[in-house]
Amino acid sequence: MSGSEIGRAARAIRAGGIIAYPTESCYGLGCDPLNRAAVLRLLKLKRRPAAKGLILIACDRAQLRHFARELPDAVRKSWPGPNTWLVSPTHRVPAWIRGRHPRVAVRVTAHPPASALCRAAGIAIVSTSANRGGERPARDEHEVRRRFGDSIDYVLPGRIGTRRRPTPIVDSATQALIRHG
């Protein structure tokens, strides 16, 4: 993965595109979370109900300031790393990101390609597994291309992390484990 590949992926996101990129456990699909058309296109591509909501990833906490009202100590201390938290959203978080939920799911990733992508894009991005409902997530770029073909604007080459399961999701207010990791 080169800097020019990261740059192409970041430009695709800023232009309203959908990209695939390596994450901690699988390939993910991402886009600009504030671009309604891009998010709705991603949801349709995945065949994912909008009500389920989506995760946002960032390269640092500063990229989340427009999305998260507050980040409790437990959240801040767990990052960067493979820990997704439900936090109180700001007024900027659109319904197409939260879904039916009152909170927003966020993560500061430590995975080098995903972190570099957020840094180059200059924004937190949507992060959802590269699969359609009922399928296993794609674990390499070739699988992404086979499943999605030209319906994705860019596939960032690179290696996924060593996790075999998705990141855990914990509610920051109650400490309830929402998704096992």
Protein backbone atom coordinates (compact mmCIF):
# COMPACT_ATOMS: atom_id res chain seq x y z
CA MET A 1 0.00 0.00 0.00
CA SER A 2 1.53 3.26 -1.11
CA GLY A 3 0.83 6.87 -0.26
CA SER A 4 -0.57 7.39 -3.75
CA GLU A 5 -3.05 4.54 -3.21
CA ILE A 6 -4.13 6.10 0.10
CA GLY A 7 -4.47 9.44 -1.69
CA ARG A 8 -6.68 7.94 -4.42
CA ALA A 9 -8.92 6.31 -1.82
CA ALA A 10 -9.19 9.56 0.16
CA ARG A 11 -10.06 11.54 -2.99
CA ALA A 12 -12.76 8.98 -3.84
CA ILE A 13 -14.30 9.45 -0.38
CA ARG A 14 -14.22 13.25 -0.62
CA ALA A 15 -15.82 13.02 -4.10
CA GLY A 16 -18.78 11.10 -2.67
CA GLY A 17 -17.56 7.62 -3.56
CA ILE A 18 -17.63 4.29 -1.78
CA ILE A 19 -14.34 2.54 -1.15
CA ALA A 20 -13.22 -0.78 0.28
CA TYR A 21 -10.23 -0.86 2.63
CA PRO A 22 -8.50 -3.20 5.10
CA THR A 23 -9.50 -2.98 8.76
CA GLU A 24 -8.57 -4.84 11.94
CA SER A 25 -10.48 -8.03 11.01
CA CYS A 26 -11.77 -7.80 7.43
CA TYR A 27 -12.19 -5.52 4.48
CA GLY A 28 -14.56 -2.66 5.19
CA LEU A 29 -16.69 -0.40 3.06
CA GLY A 30 -16.50 3.30 3.72
CA CYS A 31 -17.62 6.73 2.61
CA ASP A 32 -18.13 10.25 3.92
CA PRO A 33 -20.67 9.94 6.76
CA LEU A 34 -22.14 13.37 6.04
CA ASN A 35 -22.76 12.58 2.37
CA ARG A 36 -26.32 11.22 2.46
CA ALA A 37 -26.25 9.96 -1.14
CA ALA A 38 -23.01 8.04 -0.56
CA VAL A 39 -24.28 6.45 2.68
CA LEU A 40 -27.61 5.45 1.14
CA ARG A 41 -25.78 3.98 -1.87
CA LEU A 42 -23.51 2.00 0.51
CA LEU A 43 -26.51 0.68 2.45
CA LYS A 44 -28.21 -0.39 -0.78
CA LEU A 45 -25.02 -2.07 -2.00
CA LYS A 46 -24.73 -4.02 1.27
CA ARG A 47 -28.47 -4.69 1.43
CA ARG A 48 -28.28 -3.36 4.97
CA PRO A 49 -31.31 -1.75 6.61
CA ALA A 50 -30.69 1.91 7.45
CA ALA A 51 -32.23 1.29 10.90
CA LYS A 52 -29.18 -0.77 11.97
CA GLY A 53 -26.88 2.26 11.97
CA LEU A 54 -23.21 2.43 11.03
CA ILE A 55 -19.83 2.75 12.74
CA LEU A 56 -17.52 5.72 12.20
CA ILE A 57 -13.75 5.31 12.40
CA ALA A 58 -11.13 8.01 12.81
CA CYS A 59 -7.36 8.35 12.98
CA ASP A 60 -7.58 10.34 16.22
CA ARG A 61 -10.13 11.71 18.69
CA ALA A 62 -10.11 15.13 17.04
CA GLN A 63 -11.79 13.66 13.95
CA LEU A 64 -14.72 12.61 16.13
CA ARG A 65 -15.36 16.00 17.77
CA HIS A 66 -18.18 16.81 15.34
CA PHE A 67 -19.87 13.46 15.97
CA ALA A 68 -19.39 12.67 19.68
CA ARG A 69 -20.55 15.04 22.44
CA GLU A 70 -18.20 13.61 25.02
CA LEU A 71 -15.71 10.79 25.26
CA PRO A 72 -15.58 9.30 28.75
CA ASP A 73 -12.20 8.30 30.20
CA ALA A 74 -12.75 4.60 29.52
CA VAL A 75 -13.32 5.39 25.84
CA ARG A 76 -10.30 7.66 25.49
CA LYS A 77 -8.01 5.21 27.29
CA SER A 78 -9.01 2.34 24.97
CA TRP A 79 -7.85 4.16 21.82
CA PRO A 80 -6.30 3.87 19.42
CA GLY A 81 -7.34 0.27 19.23
CA PRO A 82 -9.99 -2.25 18.17
CA ASN A 83 -12.68 -0.93 20.50
CA THR A 84 -15.94 0.51 19.21
CA TRP A 85 -18.04 2.55 21.62
CA LEU A 86 -21.57 3.87 21.58
CA VAL A 87 -21.44 7.51 22.67
CA SER A 88 -23.77 10.51 22.87
CA PRO A 89 -23.95 12.10 19.42
CA THR A 90 -23.72 15.77 18.56
CA HIS A 91 -26.47 17.44 16.57
CA ARG A 92 -24.35 16.87 13.42
CA VAL A 93 -24.85 13.08 13.41
CA PRO A 94 -27.49 12.36 10.79
CA ALA A 95 -30.17 9.72 11.19
CA TRP A 96 -28.66 7.74 8.29
CA ILE A 97 -25.62 7.08 10.52
CA ARG A 98 -27.40 6.43 13.85
CA GLY A 99 -30.22 4.40 12.36
CA ARG A 100 -32.88 3.75 15.00
CA HIS A 101 -30.36 4.25 17.82
CA PRO A 102 -30.04 7.30 20.07
CA ARG A 103 -26.23 6.91 20.21
CA VAL A 104 -23.46 6.79 17.61
CA ALA A 105 -20.83 4.04 17.26
CA VAL A 106 -17.25 5.34 16.98
CA ARG A 107 -13.68 4.00 16.99
CA VAL A 108 -10.19 5.47 16.76
CA THR A 109 -8.47 2.75 14.80
CA ALA A 110 -4.88 1.65 15.30
CA HIS A 111 -4.87 -0.36 12.05
CA PRO A 112 -2.28 1.44 9.88
CA PRO A 113 -4.12 1.42 6.50
CA ALA A 114 -7.46 2.49 8.01
CA SER A 115 -5.82 5.17 10.15
CA ALA A 116 -3.79 6.50 7.19
CA LEU A 117 -6.97 6.61 5.11
CA CYS A 118 -8.83 8.70 7.69
CA ARG A 119 -5.82 11.00 8.02
CA ALA A 120 -5.58 11.50 4.23
CA ALA A 121 -9.33 12.02 3.86
CA GLY A 122 -9.25 14.52 6.71
CA ILE A 123 -12.48 13.13 8.19
CA ALA A 124 -13.90 10.24 10.16
CA ILE A 125 -15.36 7.71 7.73
CA VAL A 126 -18.07 5.07 7.70
CA SER A 127 -16.76 1.60 8.53
CA THR A 128 -18.92 -1.43 7.79
CA SER A 129 -17.84 -4.90 6.73
CA ALA A 130 -17.48 -5.59 3.02
CA ASN A 131 -20.30 -8.07 2.60
CA ARG A 132 -23.98 -8.29 1.85
CA GLY A 133 -26.52 -9.48 4.39
CA GLY A 134 -25.90 -13.10 5.35
CA GLU A 135 -22.41 -13.29 3.80
CA ARG A 136 -19.11 -13.52 5.62
CA PRO A 137 -17.05 -10.33 5.38
CA ALA A 138 -14.44 -10.20 2.61
CA ARG A 139 -10.91 -10.71 3.94
CA ASP A 140 -8.89 -9.52 0.94
CA GLU A 141 -9.14 -7.12 -1.98
CA HIS A 142 -9.71 -9.91 -4.53
CA GLU A 143 -12.78 -11.10 -2.64
CA VAL A 144 -14.09 -7.53 -2.50
CA ARG A 145 -13.67 -7.14 -6.27
CA ARG A 146 -15.35 -10.52 -6.91
CA ARG A 147 -18.37 -9.62 -4.77
CA PHE A 148 -18.83 -5.96 -5.65
CA GLY A 149 -17.09 -5.43 -9.00
CA ASP A 150 -17.49 -1.92 -10.41
CA SER A 151 -20.13 -0.93 -7.86
CA ILE A 152 -17.31 0.30 -5.58
CA ASP A 153 -15.34 3.37 -6.61
CA TYR A 154 -11.95 2.28 -5.25
CA VAL A 155 -10.42 -0.75 -3.50
CA LEU A 156 -7.43 0.11 -1.32
CA PRO A 157 -4.95 -2.77 -1.39
CA GLY A 158 -3.48 -3.88 1.90
CA ARG A 159 -3.53 -6.45 4.65
CA ILE A 160 -6.23 -6.83 7.23
CA GLY A 161 -5.28 -7.03 10.89
CA THR A 162 -4.98 -10.19 12.93
CA ARG A 163 -8.42 -10.12 14.55
CA ARG A 164 -10.69 -12.99 13.58
CA ARG A 165 -13.84 -11.31 14.87
CA PRO A 166 -15.21 -7.78 14.49
CA THR A 167 -14.39 -5.20 17.12
CA PRO A 168 -16.49 -5.36 20.28
CA ILE A 169 -19.11 -2.64 20.72
CA VAL A 170 -19.67 -1.30 24.24
CA ASP A 171 -22.15 1.31 25.41
CA SER A 172 -20.09 4.02 27.12
CA ALA A 173 -22.97 5.03 29.41
CA THR A 174 -23.81 1.59 30.79
CA GLN A 175 -20.67 -0.44 29.96
CA ALA A 176 -23.03 -3.02 28.40
CA LEU A 177 -21.40 -5.23 25.78
CA ILE A 178 -23.53 -4.82 22.64
CA ARG A 179 -21.42 -6.96 20.27
CA HIS A 180 -18.82 -9.52 21.27
CA GLY A 181 -15.48 -9.11 19.56
